[in-house]
Amino acid sequence: MSENPIEITSAADAHIKDNGGVVTVRLAPRHGCCGGVASLAIAEPRAPDVPADYASFDLGDIRLYMPHELIGEGLRINCEGWWKLRHLYVDGAAVQTPRQR
């Protein structure tokens, strides 16, 4: 793939490299107060538990793992916080994947 499957800001790039150079983007269920579930894309600076379930991309100094259904969704990994409280987050358009049961 010639294009990056997700945009990574310079702050996120530095944070990922500082934490081993690996990032996993995945869907995480979030439950509402009145029932209902929404899946949000999250980013974690680690390899996935089951790498075979993810598409893997070598982005130079970063190894990216991402579910196939999130590729091309126009997402961006960014970083916020300070010192040990820094964390990654995914920003972008709403994910248009089918509901998982």
PDB file of N, CA and C in Angstrom:
ATOM      1  N   MET A   1       0.854  -1.175   0.000  1.00  0.00           N
ATOM      2  CA  MET A   1       0.000   0.000   0.000  1.00  0.00           C
ATOM      3  C   MET A   1       0.890   1.225   0.000  1.00  0.00           C
ATOM      4  N   SER A   2       0.682   2.111  -0.937  1.00  0.00           N
ATOM      5  CA  SER A   2       1.550   3.274  -1.059  1.00  0.00           C
ATOM      6  C   SER A   2       1.190   4.383  -0.069  1.00  0.00           C
ATOM      7  N   GLU A   3      -0.082   4.513   0.262  1.00  0.00           N
ATOM      8  CA  GLU A   3      -0.507   5.534   1.211  1.00  0.00           C
ATOM      9  C   GLU A   3      -0.551   4.939   2.616  1.00  0.00           C
ATOM     10  N   ASN A   4      -0.378   5.816   3.607  1.00  0.00           N
ATOM     11  CA  ASN A   4      -0.555   5.357   4.971  1.00  0.00           C
ATOM     12  C   ASN A   4      -2.039   5.091   5.202  1.00  0.00           C
ATOM     13  N   PRO A   5      -2.382   4.012   5.882  1.00  0.00           N
ATOM     14  CA  PRO A   5      -3.787   3.694   6.131  1.00  0.00           C
ATOM     15  C   PRO A   5      -4.438   4.607   7.171  1.00  0.00           C
ATOM     16  N   ILE A   6      -3.615   5.380   7.888  1.00  0.00           N
ATOM     17  CA  ILE A   6      -4.110   6.300   8.910  1.00  0.00           C
ATOM     18  C   ILE A   6      -3.087   7.427   9.053  1.00  0.00           C
ATOM     19  N   GLU A   7      -3.567   8.618   9.355  1.00  0.00           N
ATOM     20  CA  GLU A   7      -2.650   9.738   9.582  1.00  0.00           C
ATOM     21  C   GLU A   7      -2.136   9.658  11.021  1.00  0.00           C
ATOM     22  N   ILE A   8      -0.855   9.931  11.205  1.00  0.00           N
ATOM     23  CA  ILE A   8      -0.252   9.952  12.539  1.00  0.00           C
ATOM     24  C   ILE A   8       0.402  11.314  12.709  1.00  0.00           C
ATOM     25  N   THR A   9      -0.054  12.080  13.699  1.00  0.00           N
ATOM     26  CA  THR A   9       0.516  13.410  13.928  1.00  0.00           C
ATOM     27  C   THR A   9       1.944  13.277  14.460  1.00  0.00           C
ATOM     28  N   SER A  10       2.690  14.364  14.408  1.00  0.00           N
ATOM     29  CA  SER A  10       4.075  14.326  14.891  1.00  0.00           C
ATOM     30  C   SER A  10       4.139  14.041  16.390  1.00  0.00           C
ATOM     31  N   ALA A  11       3.180  14.553  17.169  1.00  0.00           N
ATOM     32  CA  ALA A  11       3.156  14.270  18.617  1.00  0.00           C
ATOM     33  C   ALA A  11       2.903  12.793  18.870  1.00  0.00           C
ATOM     34  N   ALA A  12       1.975  12.200  18.123  1.00  0.00           N
ATOM     35  CA  ALA A  12       1.686  10.776  18.278  1.00  0.00           C
ATOM     36  C   ALA A  12       2.873   9.935  17.809  1.00  0.00           C
ATOM     37  N   ASP A  13       3.493  10.350  16.710  1.00  0.00           N
ATOM     38  CA  ASP A  13       4.661   9.651  16.182  1.00  0.00           C
ATOM     39  C   ASP A  13       5.762   9.569  17.242  1.00  0.00           C
ATOM     40  N   ALA A  14       6.046  10.681  17.885  1.00  0.00           N
ATOM     41  CA  ALA A  14       7.084  10.707  18.925  1.00  0.00           C
ATOM     42  C   ALA A  14       6.703   9.823  20.104  1.00  0.00           C
ATOM     43  N   HIS A  15       5.444   9.868  20.520  1.00  0.00           N
ATOM     44  CA  HIS A  15       4.983   9.062  21.660  1.00  0.00           C
ATOM     45  C   HIS A  15       5.069   7.569  21.342  1.00  0.00           C
ATOM     46  N   ILE A  16       4.668   7.197  20.138  1.00  0.00           N
ATOM     47  CA  ILE A  16       4.732   5.789  19.738  1.00  0.00           C
ATOM     48  C   ILE A  16       6.177   5.310  19.726  1.00  0.00           C
ATOM     49  N   LYS A  17       7.066   6.094  19.153  1.00  0.00           N
ATOM     50  CA  LYS A  17       8.487   5.723  19.111  1.00  0.00           C
ATOM     51  C   LYS A  17       9.077   5.636  20.516  1.00  0.00           C
ATOM     52  N   ASP A  18       8.676   6.533  21.411  1.00  0.00           N
ATOM     53  CA  ASP A  18       9.159   6.502  22.796  1.00  0.00           C
ATOM     54  C   ASP A  18       8.661   5.269  23.553  1.00  0.00           C
ATOM     55  N   ASN A  19       7.599   4.645  23.054  1.00  0.00           N
ATOM     56  CA  ASN A  19       7.004   3.486  23.721  1.00  0.00           C
ATOM     57  C   ASN A  19       7.169   2.203  22.918  1.00  0.00           C
ATOM     58  N   GLY A  20       8.249   2.095  22.162  1.00  0.00           N
ATOM     59  CA  GLY A  20       8.572   0.848  21.488  1.00  0.00           C
ATOM     60  C   GLY A  20       8.332   0.808  19.993  1.00  0.00           C
ATOM     61  N   GLY A  21       7.706   1.826  19.418  1.00  0.00           N
ATOM     62  CA  GLY A  21       7.536   1.881  17.976  1.00  0.00           C
ATOM     63  C   GLY A  21       6.423   1.018  17.413  1.00  0.00           C
ATOM     64  N   VAL A  22       5.494   0.594  18.270  1.00  0.00           N
ATOM     65  CA  VAL A  22       4.371  -0.233  17.830  1.00  0.00           C
ATOM     66  C   VAL A  22       3.082   0.424  18.287  1.00  0.00           C
ATOM     67  N   VAL A  23       2.063   0.437  17.395  1.00  0.00           N
ATOM     68  CA  VAL A  23       0.758   0.983  17.768  1.00  0.00           C
ATOM     69  C   VAL A  23      -0.335   0.083  17.194  1.00  0.00           C
ATOM     70  N   THR A  24      -1.370  -0.128  17.991  1.00  0.00           N
ATOM     71  CA  THR A  24      -2.542  -0.884  17.559  1.00  0.00           C
ATOM     72  C   THR A  24      -3.752   0.028  17.603  1.00  0.00           C
ATOM     73  N   VAL A  25      -4.477   0.077  16.499  1.00  0.00           N
ATOM     74  CA  VAL A  25      -5.755   0.776  16.440  1.00  0.00           C
ATOM     75  C   VAL A  25      -6.815  -0.311  16.442  1.00  0.00           C
ATOM     76  N   ARG A  26      -7.814  -0.167  17.296  1.00  0.00           N
ATOM     77  CA  ARG A  26      -8.871  -1.183  17.372  1.00  0.00           C
ATOM     78  C   ARG A  26     -10.186  -0.531  17.746  1.00  0.00           C
ATOM     79  N   LEU A  27     -11.261  -1.278  17.564  1.00  0.00           N
ATOM     80  CA  LEU A  27     -12.574  -0.820  17.998  1.00  0.00           C
ATOM     81  C   LEU A  27     -12.823  -1.288  19.421  1.00  0.00           C
ATOM     82  N   ALA A  28     -13.311  -0.382  20.258  1.00  0.00           N
ATOM     83  CA  ALA A  28     -13.621  -0.705  21.645  1.00  0.00           C
ATOM     84  C   ALA A  28     -15.078  -0.334  21.903  1.00  0.00           C
ATOM     85  N   PRO A  29     -15.860  -1.258  22.455  1.00  0.00           N
ATOM     86  CA  PRO A  29     -17.267  -0.943  22.723  1.00  0.00           C
ATOM     87  C   PRO A  29     -17.402   0.043  23.880  1.00  0.00           C
ATOM     88  N   ARG A  30     -18.328   0.969  23.737  1.00  0.00           N
ATOM     89  CA  ARG A  30     -18.666   1.919  24.791  1.00  0.00           C
ATOM     90  C   ARG A  30     -20.167   1.818  25.006  1.00  0.00           C
ATOM     91  N   HIS A  31     -20.557   1.627  26.241  1.00  0.00           N
ATOM     92  CA  HIS A  31     -21.961   1.425  26.577  1.00  0.00           C
ATOM     93  C   HIS A  31     -22.580   2.739  27.050  1.00  0.00           C
ATOM     94  N   GLY A  32     -23.769   3.028  26.557  1.00  0.00           N
ATOM     95  CA  GLY A  32     -24.477   4.241  26.946  1.00  0.00           C
ATOM     96  C   GLY A  32     -25.224   4.043  28.256  1.00  0.00           C
ATOM     97  N   CYS A  33     -25.665   5.123  28.839  1.00  0.00           N
ATOM     98  CA  CYS A  33     -26.350   5.060  30.122  1.00  0.00           C
ATOM     99  C   CYS A  33     -27.740   4.439  29.993  1.00  0.00           C
ATOM    100  N   CYS A  34     -28.332   4.475  28.819  1.00  0.00           N
ATOM    101  CA  CYS A  34     -29.704   3.979  28.631  1.00  0.00           C
ATOM    102  C   CYS A  34     -29.745   2.760  27.718  1.00  0.00           C
ATOM    103  N   GLY A  35     -28.708   1.969  27.710  1.00  0.00           N
ATOM    104  CA  GLY A  35     -28.662   0.815  26.802  1.00  0.00           C
ATOM    105  C   GLY A  35     -27.763   1.141  25.643  1.00  0.00           C
ATOM    106  N   GLY A  36     -27.808   0.590  24.570  1.00  0.00           N
ATOM    107  CA  GLY A  36     -27.044   0.963  23.388  1.00  0.00           C
ATOM    108  C   GLY A  36     -25.541   0.822  23.535  1.00  0.00           C
ATOM    109  N   VAL A  37     -24.901   0.516  22.449  1.00  0.00           N
ATOM    110  CA  VAL A  37     -23.458   0.334  22.412  1.00  0.00           C
ATOM    111  C   VAL A  37     -22.921   1.036  21.173  1.00  0.00           C
ATOM    112  N   ALA A  38     -21.819   1.724  21.340  1.00  0.00           N
ATOM    113  CA  ALA A  38     -21.121   2.341  20.206  1.00  0.00           C
ATOM    114  C   ALA A  38     -19.679   1.847  20.221  1.00  0.00           C
ATOM    115  N   SER A  39     -19.147   1.583  19.054  1.00  0.00           N
ATOM    116  CA  SER A  39     -17.749   1.173  18.947  1.00  0.00           C
ATOM    117  C   SER A  39     -16.914   2.388  18.584  1.00  0.00           C
ATOM    118  N   LEU A  40     -15.929   2.681  19.417  1.00  0.00           N
ATOM    119  CA  LEU A  40     -15.016   3.803  19.173  1.00  0.00           C
ATOM    120  C   LEU A  40     -13.644   3.263  18.804  1.00  0.00           C
ATOM    121  N   ALA A  41     -13.004   3.910  17.858  1.00  0.00           N
ATOM    122  CA  ALA A  41     -11.643   3.546  17.494  1.00  0.00           C
ATOM    123  C   ALA A  41     -10.700   4.116  18.555  1.00  0.00           C
ATOM    124  N   ILE A  42      -9.818   3.271  19.068  1.00  0.00           N
ATOM    125  CA  ILE A  42      -8.822   3.702  20.045  1.00  0.00           C
ATOM    126  C   ILE A  42      -7.442   3.278  19.559  1.00  0.00           C
ATOM    127  N   ALA A  43      -6.402   3.918  20.070  1.00  0.00           N
ATOM    128  CA  ALA A  43      -5.021   3.582  19.728  1.00  0.00           C
ATOM    129  C   ALA A  43      -4.259   3.274  21.006  1.00  0.00           C
ATOM    130  N   GLU A  44      -3.482   2.201  20.947  1.00  0.00           N
ATOM    131  CA  GLU A  44      -2.673   1.790  22.099  1.00  0.00           C
ATOM    132  C   GLU A  44      -1.244   1.554  21.642  1.00  0.00           C
ATOM    133  N   PRO A  45      -0.251   2.029  22.407  1.00  0.00           N
ATOM    134  CA  PRO A  45       1.147   1.845  21.993  1.00  0.00           C
ATOM    135  C   PRO A  45       1.672   0.457  22.362  1.00  0.00           C
ATOM    136  N   ARG A  46       1.075  -0.556  21.747  1.00  0.00           N
ATOM    137  CA  ARG A  46       1.484  -1.945  21.989  1.00  0.00           C
ATOM    138  C   ARG A  46       1.005  -2.796  20.821  1.00  0.00           C
ATOM    139  N   ALA A  47       1.514  -4.001  20.756  1.00  0.00           N
ATOM    140  CA  ALA A  47       1.062  -4.948  19.740  1.00  0.00           C
ATOM    141  C   ALA A  47      -0.267  -5.554  20.189  1.00  0.00           C
ATOM    142  N   PRO A  48      -1.098  -5.986  19.243  1.00  0.00           N
ATOM    143  CA  PRO A  48      -2.370  -6.593  19.624  1.00  0.00           C
ATOM    144  C   PRO A  48      -2.163  -7.979  20.233  1.00  0.00           C
ATOM    145  N   ASP A  49      -3.147  -8.443  20.977  1.00  0.00           N
ATOM    146  CA  ASP A  49      -3.073  -9.776  21.572  1.00  0.00           C
ATOM    147  C   ASP A  49      -3.027 -10.869  20.505  1.00  0.00           C
ATOM    148  N   VAL A  50      -3.769 -10.673  19.414  1.00  0.00           N
ATOM    149  CA  VAL A  50      -3.798 -11.638  18.313  1.00  0.00           C
ATOM    150  C   VAL A  50      -3.446 -10.893  17.016  1.00  0.00           C
ATOM    151  N   PRO A  51      -2.155 -10.750  16.711  1.00  0.00           N
ATOM    152  CA  PRO A  51      -1.743  -9.977  15.535  1.00  0.00           C
ATOM    153  C   PRO A  51      -2.348 -10.476  14.220  1.00  0.00           C
ATOM    154  N   ALA A  52      -2.658 -11.751  14.117  1.00  0.00           N
ATOM    155  CA  ALA A  52      -3.217 -12.305  12.878  1.00  0.00           C
ATOM    156  C   ALA A  52      -4.582 -11.719  12.547  1.00  0.00           C
ATOM    157  N   ASP A  53      -5.273 -11.128  13.518  1.00  0.00           N
ATOM    158  CA  ASP A  53      -6.588 -10.531  13.296  1.00  0.00           C
ATOM    159  C   ASP A  53      -6.502  -9.114  12.716  1.00  0.00           C
ATOM    160  N   TYR A  54      -5.306  -8.602  12.516  1.00  0.00           N
ATOM    161  CA  TYR A  54      -5.100  -7.222  12.102  1.00  0.00           C
ATOM    162  C   TYR A  54      -4.268  -7.143  10.832  1.00  0.00           C
ATOM    163  N   ALA A  55      -4.488  -6.095  10.055  1.00  0.00           N
ATOM    164  CA  ALA A  55      -3.578  -5.774   8.962  1.00  0.00           C
ATOM    165  C   ALA A  55      -2.355  -5.117   9.596  1.00  0.00           C
ATOM    166  N   SER A  56      -1.183  -5.449   9.103  1.00  0.00           N
ATOM    167  CA  SER A  56       0.063  -4.923   9.665  1.00  0.00           C
ATOM    168  C   SER A  56       0.752  -4.063   8.616  1.00  0.00           C
ATOM    169  N   PHE A  57       1.227  -2.890   9.055  1.00  0.00           N
ATOM    170  CA  PHE A  57       1.884  -1.946   8.158  1.00  0.00           C
ATOM    171  C   PHE A  57       3.221  -1.521   8.746  1.00  0.00           C
ATOM    172  N   ASP A  58       4.258  -1.528   7.921  1.00  0.00           N
ATOM    173  CA  ASP A  58       5.563  -1.014   8.314  1.00  0.00           C
ATOM    174  C   ASP A  58       5.644   0.427   7.829  1.00  0.00           C
ATOM    175  N   LEU A  59       5.627   1.370   8.771  1.00  0.00           N
ATOM    176  CA  LEU A  59       5.650   2.795   8.439  1.00  0.00           C
ATOM    177  C   LEU A  59       7.009   3.407   8.748  1.00  0.00           C
ATOM    178  N   GLY A  60       8.058   2.695   8.440  1.00  0.00           N
ATOM    179  CA  GLY A  60       9.401   3.176   8.733  1.00  0.00           C
ATOM    180  C   GLY A  60       9.789   2.784  10.143  1.00  0.00           C
ATOM    181  N   ASP A  61       9.753   3.727  11.077  1.00  0.00           N
ATOM    182  CA  ASP A  61      10.114   3.460  12.468  1.00  0.00           C
ATOM    183  C   ASP A  61       8.930   2.974  13.300  1.00  0.00           C
ATOM    184  N   ILE A  62       7.773   2.822  12.698  1.00  0.00           N
ATOM    185  CA  ILE A  62       6.570   2.417  13.431  1.00  0.00           C
ATOM    186  C   ILE A  62       5.939   1.196  12.772  1.00  0.00           C
ATOM    187  N   ARG A  63       5.535   0.228  13.588  1.00  0.00           N
ATOM    188  CA  ARG A  63       4.752  -0.916  13.127  1.00  0.00           C
ATOM    189  C   ARG A  63       3.308  -0.651  13.553  1.00  0.00           C
ATOM    190  N   LEU A  64       2.400  -0.581  12.585  1.00  0.00           N
ATOM    191  CA  LEU A  64       0.988  -0.297  12.822  1.00  0.00           C
ATOM    192  C   LEU A  64       0.169  -1.561  12.630  1.00  0.00           C
ATOM    193  N   TYR A  65      -0.712  -1.848  13.593  1.00  0.00           N
ATOM    194  CA  TYR A  65      -1.693  -2.914  13.467  1.00  0.00           C
ATOM    195  C   TYR A  65      -3.068  -2.257  13.461  1.00  0.00           C
ATOM    196  N   MET A  66      -3.887  -2.656  12.479  1.00  0.00           N
ATOM    197  CA  MET A  66      -5.178  -1.996  12.308  1.00  0.00           C
ATOM    198  C   MET A  66      -6.181  -2.992  11.744  1.00  0.00           C
ATOM    199  N   PRO A  67      -7.418  -3.010  12.264  1.00  0.00           N
ATOM    200  CA  PRO A  67      -8.416  -3.911  11.688  1.00  0.00           C
ATOM    201  C   PRO A  67      -8.747  -3.492  10.254  1.00  0.00           C
ATOM    202  N   HIS A  68      -9.023  -4.479   9.430  1.00  0.00           N
ATOM    203  CA  HIS A  68      -9.296  -4.210   8.017  1.00  0.00           C
ATOM    204  C   HIS A  68     -10.452  -3.233   7.830  1.00  0.00           C
ATOM    205  N   GLU A  69     -11.464  -3.292   8.691  1.00  0.00           N
ATOM    206  CA  GLU A  69     -12.647  -2.437   8.520  1.00  0.00           C
ATOM    207  C   GLU A  69     -12.372  -0.962   8.815  1.00  0.00           C
ATOM    208  N   LEU A  70     -11.252  -0.635   9.427  1.00  0.00           N
ATOM    209  CA  LEU A  70     -10.928   0.772   9.707  1.00  0.00           C
ATOM    210  C   LEU A  70     -10.011   1.401   8.670  1.00  0.00           C
ATOM    211  N   ILE A  71      -9.447   0.597   7.793  1.00  0.00           N
ATOM    212  CA  ILE A  71      -8.545   1.121   6.766  1.00  0.00           C
ATOM    213  C   ILE A  71      -9.346   1.995   5.804  1.00  0.00           C
ATOM    214  N   GLY A  72      -8.840   3.174   5.537  1.00  0.00           N
ATOM    215  CA  GLY A  72      -9.489   4.082   4.605  1.00  0.00           C
ATOM    216  C   GLY A  72     -10.657   4.856   5.197  1.00  0.00           C
ATOM    217  N   GLU A  73     -10.794   4.872   6.516  1.00  0.00           N
ATOM    218  CA  GLU A  73     -11.892   5.588   7.171  1.00  0.00           C
ATOM    219  C   GLU A  73     -11.549   7.063   7.442  1.00  0.00           C
ATOM    220  N   GLY A  74     -10.368   7.515   7.044  1.00  0.00           N
ATOM    221  CA  GLY A  74      -9.990   8.912   7.249  1.00  0.00           C
ATOM    222  C   GLY A  74      -9.670   9.234   8.700  1.00  0.00           C
ATOM    223  N   LEU A  75      -9.085   8.289   9.424  1.00  0.00           N
ATOM    224  CA  LEU A  75      -8.787   8.474  10.846  1.00  0.00           C
ATOM    225  C   LEU A  75      -7.390   9.050  11.045  1.00  0.00           C
ATOM    226  N   ARG A  76      -7.180   9.604  12.225  1.00  0.00           N
ATOM    227  CA  ARG A  76      -5.889  10.211  12.588  1.00  0.00           C
ATOM    228  C   ARG A  76      -5.571   9.838  14.039  1.00  0.00           C
ATOM    229  N   ILE A  77      -4.323   9.441  14.268  1.00  0.00           N
ATOM    230  CA  ILE A  77      -3.847   9.186  15.635  1.00  0.00           C
ATOM    231  C   ILE A  77      -3.167  10.450  16.123  1.00  0.00           C
ATOM    232  N   ASN A  78      -3.559  10.901  17.314  1.00  0.00           N
ATOM    233  CA  ASN A  78      -2.950  12.069  17.914  1.00  0.00           C
ATOM    234  C   ASN A  78      -2.582  11.728  19.354  1.00  0.00           C
ATOM    235  N   CYS A  79      -1.935  12.642  20.022  1.00  0.00           N
ATOM    236  CA  CYS A  79      -1.476  12.420  21.392  1.00  0.00           C
ATOM    237  C   CYS A  79      -1.788  13.658  22.213  1.00  0.00           C
ATOM    238  N   GLU A  80      -2.194  13.446  23.442  1.00  0.00           N
ATOM    239  CA  GLU A  80      -2.436  14.575  24.338  1.00  0.00           C
ATOM    240  C   GLU A  80      -1.966  14.216  25.738  1.00  0.00           C
ATOM    241  N   GLY A  81      -1.900  15.210  26.572  1.00  0.00           N
ATOM    242  CA  GLY A  81      -1.450  15.007  27.948  1.00  0.00           C
ATOM    243  C   GLY A  81      -0.020  15.469  28.130  1.00  0.00           C
ATOM    244  N   TRP A  82       0.475  15.257  29.325  1.00  0.00           N
ATOM    245  CA  TRP A  82       1.802  15.718  29.673  1.00  0.00           C
ATOM    246  C   TRP A  82       2.547  14.639  30.438  1.00  0.00           C
ATOM    247  N   TRP A  83       3.799  14.466  30.160  1.00  0.00           N
ATOM    248  CA  TRP A  83       4.730  13.576  30.832  1.00  0.00           C
ATOM    249  C   TRP A  83       4.181  12.165  30.875  1.00  0.00           C
ATOM    250  N   LYS A  84       4.006  11.565  32.051  1.00  0.00           N
ATOM    251  CA  LYS A  84       3.523  10.189  32.155  1.00  0.00           C
ATOM    252  C   LYS A  84       2.019  10.068  31.910  1.00  0.00           C
ATOM    253  N   LEU A  85       1.330  11.186  31.813  1.00  0.00           N
ATOM    254  CA  LEU A  85      -0.114  11.165  31.575  1.00  0.00           C
ATOM    255  C   LEU A  85      -0.449  11.270  30.086  1.00  0.00           C
ATOM    256  N   ARG A  86       0.572  11.252  29.217  1.00  0.00           N
ATOM    257  CA  ARG A  86       0.330  11.321  27.766  1.00  0.00           C
ATOM    258  C   ARG A  86      -0.365  10.042  27.308  1.00  0.00           C
ATOM    259  N   HIS A  87      -1.265  10.194  26.365  1.00  0.00           N
ATOM    260  CA  HIS A  87      -1.933   9.034  25.788  1.00  0.00           C
ATOM    261  C   HIS A  87      -2.346   9.321  24.348  1.00  0.00           C
ATOM    262  N   LEU A  88      -2.517   8.255  23.602  1.00  0.00           N
ATOM    263  CA  LEU A  88      -2.935   8.350  22.210  1.00  0.00           C
ATOM    264  C   LEU A  88      -4.448   8.368  22.129  1.00  0.00           C
ATOM    265  N   TYR A  89      -4.965   8.983  21.074  1.00  0.00           N
ATOM    266  CA  TYR A  89      -6.392   8.900  20.791  1.00  0.00           C
ATOM    267  C   TYR A  89      -6.582   8.941  19.279  1.00  0.00           C
ATOM    268  N   VAL A  90      -7.723   8.457  18.838  1.00  0.00           N
ATOM    269  CA  VAL A  90      -8.050   8.432  17.418  1.00  0.00           C
ATOM    270  C   VAL A  90      -9.107   9.480  17.154  1.00  0.00           C
ATOM    271  N   ASP A  91      -8.878  10.255  16.117  1.00  0.00           N
ATOM    272  CA  ASP A  91      -9.755  11.347  15.739  1.00  0.00           C
ATOM    273  C   ASP A  91     -10.159  11.134  14.288  1.00  0.00           C
ATOM    274  N   GLY A  92     -11.302  11.636  13.903  1.00  0.00           N
ATOM    275  CA  GLY A  92     -11.688  11.561  12.501  1.00  0.00           C
ATOM    276  C   GLY A  92     -13.163  11.309  12.331  1.00  0.00           C
ATOM    277  N   ALA A  93     -13.519  10.884  11.154  1.00  0.00           N
ATOM    278  CA  ALA A  93     -14.920  10.643  10.816  1.00  0.00           C
ATOM    279  C   ALA A  93     -15.473   9.471  11.617  1.00  0.00           C
ATOM    280  N   ALA A  94     -16.780   9.439  11.752  1.00  0.00           N
ATOM    281  CA  ALA A  94     -17.432   8.323  12.426  1.00  0.00           C
ATOM    282  C   ALA A  94     -17.165   7.044  11.652  1.00  0.00           C
ATOM    283  N   VAL A  95     -16.919   5.974  12.366  1.00  0.00           N
ATOM    284  CA  VAL A  95     -16.631   4.686  11.748  1.00  0.00           C
ATOM    285  C   VAL A  95     -17.928   4.103  11.210  1.00  0.00           C
ATOM    286  N   GLN A  96     -17.910   3.656   9.981  1.00  0.00           N
ATOM    287  CA  GLN A  96     -19.100   3.153   9.316  1.00  0.00           C
ATOM    288  C   GLN A  96     -19.104   1.629   9.244  1.00  0.00           C
ATOM    289  N   THR A  97     -18.707   0.933  10.297  1.00  0.00           N
ATOM    290  CA  THR A  97     -18.665  -0.521  10.277  1.00  0.00           C
ATOM    291  C   THR A  97     -19.963  -1.100  10.831  1.00  0.00           C
ATOM    292  N   PRO A  98     -20.303  -2.310  10.439  1.00  0.00           N
ATOM    293  CA  PRO A  98     -21.523  -2.923  10.959  1.00  0.00           C
ATOM    294  C   PRO A  98     -21.412  -3.201  12.452  1.00  0.00           C
ATOM    295  N   ARG A  99     -22.540  -3.280  13.108  1.00  0.00           N
ATOM    296  CA  ARG A  99     -22.584  -3.535  14.553  1.00  0.00           C
ATOM    297  C   ARG A  99     -22.064  -4.938  14.828  1.00  0.00           C
ATOM    298  N   GLN A 100     -21.220  -5.029  15.840  1.00  0.00           N
ATOM    299  CA  GLN A 100     -20.677  -6.333  16.248  1.00  0.00           C
ATOM    300  C   GLN A 100     -21.518  -6.863  17.398  1.00  0.00           C
ATOM    301  N   ARG A 101     -21.801  -8.131  17.357  1.00  0.00           N
ATOM    302  CA  ARG A 101     -22.606  -8.758  18.425  1.00  0.00           C
ATOM    303  C   ARG A 101     -21.747  -9.575  19.331  1.00  0.00           C
TER     304      ARG A 101
END
